[in-house]
C-alpha atoms as a PDB file:
ATOM      1  CA  MET A   1      73.203 198.035 115.019  1.00  0.00           C
ATOM      2  CA  ARG A   2      71.062 194.944 115.536  1.00  0.00           C
ATOM      3  CA  LEU A   3      72.272 191.569 113.660  1.00  0.00           C
ATOM      4  CA  THR A   4      70.652 188.099 113.975  1.00  0.00           C
ATOM      5  CA  ILE A   5      73.540 185.331 113.831  1.00  0.00           C
ATOM      6  CA  SER A   6      73.657 181.767 114.502  1.00  0.00           C
ATOM      7  CA  LEU A   7      75.950 180.205 116.593  1.00  0.00           C
ATOM      8  CA  ASP A   8      77.340 176.663 116.836  1.00  0.00           C
ATOM      9  CA  ASP A   9      76.347 175.256 119.953  1.00  0.00           C
ATOM     10  CA  ASP A  10      79.638 175.000 121.721  1.00  0.00           C
ATOM     11  CA  LEU A  11      80.190 178.505 121.161  1.00  0.00           C
ATOM     12  CA  TYR A  12      76.712 179.259 122.207  1.00  0.00           C
ATOM     13  CA  GLY A  13      76.960 177.787 125.282  1.00  0.00           C
ATOM     14  CA  TYR A  14      81.045 179.784 125.879  1.00  0.00           C
ATOM     15  CA  VAL A  15      79.379 183.285 125.254  1.00  0.00           C
ATOM     16  CA  LYS A  16      76.249 182.428 127.515  1.00  0.00           C
ATOM     17  CA  SER A  17      78.533 181.391 130.361  1.00  0.00           C
ATOM     18  CA  LEU A  18      81.026 184.131 130.169  1.00  0.00           C
ATOM     19  CA  ALA A  19      78.153 186.405 130.183  1.00  0.00           C
ATOM     20  CA  ARG A  20      76.523 185.015 133.433  1.00  0.00           C
ATOM     21  CA  SER A  21      80.077 184.712 135.251  1.00  0.00           C
ATOM     22  CA  GLU A  22      80.519 188.531 133.896  1.00  0.00           C
ATOM     23  CA  ASP A  23      77.705 189.934 134.584  1.00  0.00           C
ATOM     24  CA  LEU A  24      76.965 191.062 130.826  1.00  0.00           C
ATOM     25  CA  SER A  25      74.512 190.336 127.954  1.00  0.00           C
ATOM     26  CA  MET A  26      75.338 187.932 125.515  1.00  0.00           C
ATOM     27  CA  SER A  27      75.535 190.870 122.903  1.00  0.00           C
ATOM     28  CA  GLN A  28      77.939 192.699 125.208  1.00  0.00           C
ATOM     29  CA  VAL A  29      80.238 189.399 125.297  1.00  0.00           C
ATOM     30  CA  VAL A  30      80.161 188.827 121.449  1.00  0.00           C
ATOM     31  CA  ASN A  31      81.376 192.396 120.931  1.00  0.00           C
ATOM     32  CA  LYS A  32      83.884 192.124 123.550  1.00  0.00           C
ATOM     33  CA  LEU A  33      85.037 189.003 121.828  1.00  0.00           C
ATOM     34  CA  ILE A  34      85.269 190.544 118.218  1.00  0.00           C
ATOM     35  CA  ARG A  35      86.910 193.719 120.007  1.00  0.00           C
ATOM     36  CA  ARG A  36      89.700 191.335 121.019  1.00  0.00           C
ATOM     37  CA  VAL A  37      90.447 189.690 117.589  1.00  0.00           C
ATOM     38  CA  VAL A  38      90.443 193.196 115.575  1.00  0.00           C
ATOM     39  CA  GLU A  39      91.970 195.296 117.809  1.00  0.00           C
ATOM     40  CA  VAL A  40      94.678 197.673 116.597  1.00  0.00           C
ATOM     41  CA  PRO A  41      98.142 196.389 118.607  1.00  0.00           C
ATOM     42  CA  ALA A  42      99.470 198.878 120.785  1.00  0.00           C
ATOM     43  CA  HIS A  43     102.849 198.843 119.335  1.00  0.00           C
ATOM     44  CA  PRO A  44     102.582 198.545 115.427  1.00  0.00           C
ATOM     45  CA  ILE A  45     105.563 197.230 113.584  1.00  0.00           C
ATOM     46  CA  GLN A  46     108.089 199.542 112.413  1.00  0.00           C
ATOM     47  CA  VAL A  47     109.026 199.061 108.871  1.00  0.00           C
ATOM     48  CA  PRO A  48     112.745 200.776 108.178  1.00  0.00           C
ATOM     49  CA  SER A  49     112.613 204.046 106.134  1.00  0.00           C
ATOM     50  CA  ALA A  50     114.550 202.672 103.560  1.00  0.00           C
ATOM     51  CA  ALA A  51     112.786 199.409 102.784  1.00  0.00           C
ATOM     52  CA  SER A  52     114.731 197.118 100.308  1.00  0.00           C
ATOM     53  CA  PRO A  53     112.901 196.031  96.887  1.00  0.00           C
ATOM     54  CA  TRP A  54     111.810 192.566  98.641  1.00  0.00           C
ATOM     55  CA  GLN A  55     109.299 194.357 100.933  1.00  0.00           C
ATOM     56  CA  GLY A  56     110.911 192.930 104.299  1.00  0.00           C
ATOM     57  CA  PHE A  57     111.363 194.356 107.368  1.00  0.00           C
ATOM     58  CA  ALA A  58     114.202 193.737 110.505  1.00  0.00           C
ATOM     59  CA  ALA A  59     112.807 192.376 113.650  1.00  0.00           C
ATOM     60  CA  ARG A  60     115.994 192.416 115.724  1.00  0.00           C
ATOM     61  CA  PRO A  61     119.548 193.242 113.976  1.00  0.00           C
ATOM     62  CA  GLY A  62     120.698 190.502 111.814  1.00  0.00           C
ATOM     63  CA  VAL A  63     117.149 188.826 111.554  1.00  0.00           C
ATOM     64  CA  ILE A  64     114.958 189.660 108.358  1.00  0.00           C
ATOM     65  CA  ILE A  65     111.305 188.824 108.555  1.00  0.00           C
ATOM     66  CA  HIS A  66     109.261 188.943 105.005  1.00  0.00           C
ATOM     67  CA  ARG A  67     105.816 190.302 104.689  1.00  0.00           C
ATOM     68  CA  ASP A  68     104.428 186.909 103.977  1.00  0.00           C
ATOM     69  CA  GLU A  69     106.154 185.206 106.808  1.00  0.00           C
ATOM     70  CA  ALA A  70     105.101 188.136 109.353  1.00  0.00           C
ATOM     71  CA  GLN A  71     101.307 187.667 107.987  1.00  0.00           C
ATOM     72  CA  ARG A  72     101.474 183.890 108.746  1.00  0.00           C
ATOM     73  CA  MET A  73     102.807 184.657 112.192  1.00  0.00           C
ATOM     74  CA  GLU A  74     100.213 187.353 112.737  1.00  0.00           C
ATOM     75  CA  GLU A  75      97.160 184.470 111.643  1.00  0.00           C
ATOM     76  CA  GLU A  76      99.048 182.078 114.004  1.00  0.00           C
ATOM     77  CA  GLU A  77      98.750 184.458 116.884  1.00  0.00           C
ATOM     78  CA  ASP A  78      94.819 185.154 116.045  1.00  0.00           C
ATOM     79  CA  LEU A  79      94.314 181.361 116.252  1.00  0.00           C
ATOM     80  CA  ALA A  80      95.861 180.793 119.071  1.00  0.00           C
ATOM     81  CA  ARG A  81      93.963 184.012 120.789  1.00  0.00           C
ATOM     82  CA  LEU A  82      90.773 182.088 119.820  1.00  0.00           C
ATOM     83  CA  GLU A  83      91.721 178.964 120.648  1.00  0.00           C
ATOM     84  CA  ALA A  84      92.677 180.298 124.286  1.00  0.00           C
ATOM     85  CA  LEU A  85      89.547 181.783 124.550  1.00  0.00           C
ATOM     86  CA  GLY A  86      87.713 178.275 123.988  1.00  0.00           C
ATOM     87  CA  PHE A  87      87.003 178.417 120.062  1.00  0.00           C
ATOM     88  CA  LYS A  88      88.199 175.373 118.324  1.00  0.00           C
ATOM     89  CA  LYS A  89      89.598 174.687 114.821  1.00  0.00           C
ATOM     90  CA  LYS A  90      87.576 172.602 112.714  1.00  0.00           C
END
């Protein structure tokens, strides 16, 4: 599918240099970066079969993480991945 987008100057430079260093087109690099962010984890979190009414899950015995906390942690991991790729928070 074809799509025209506008990139900030710093992101354009990053994608262009990555494309050059990996001998890929800019479109291939953008696709690759987006796939890294949206890729389904290889080991999804297992929710216990007897979930309690508060909708949490056990991360390890004795430690309970609620869904809101798990979502916040996932968002922080996503931001860390983007920063590791050279993207900056505004």
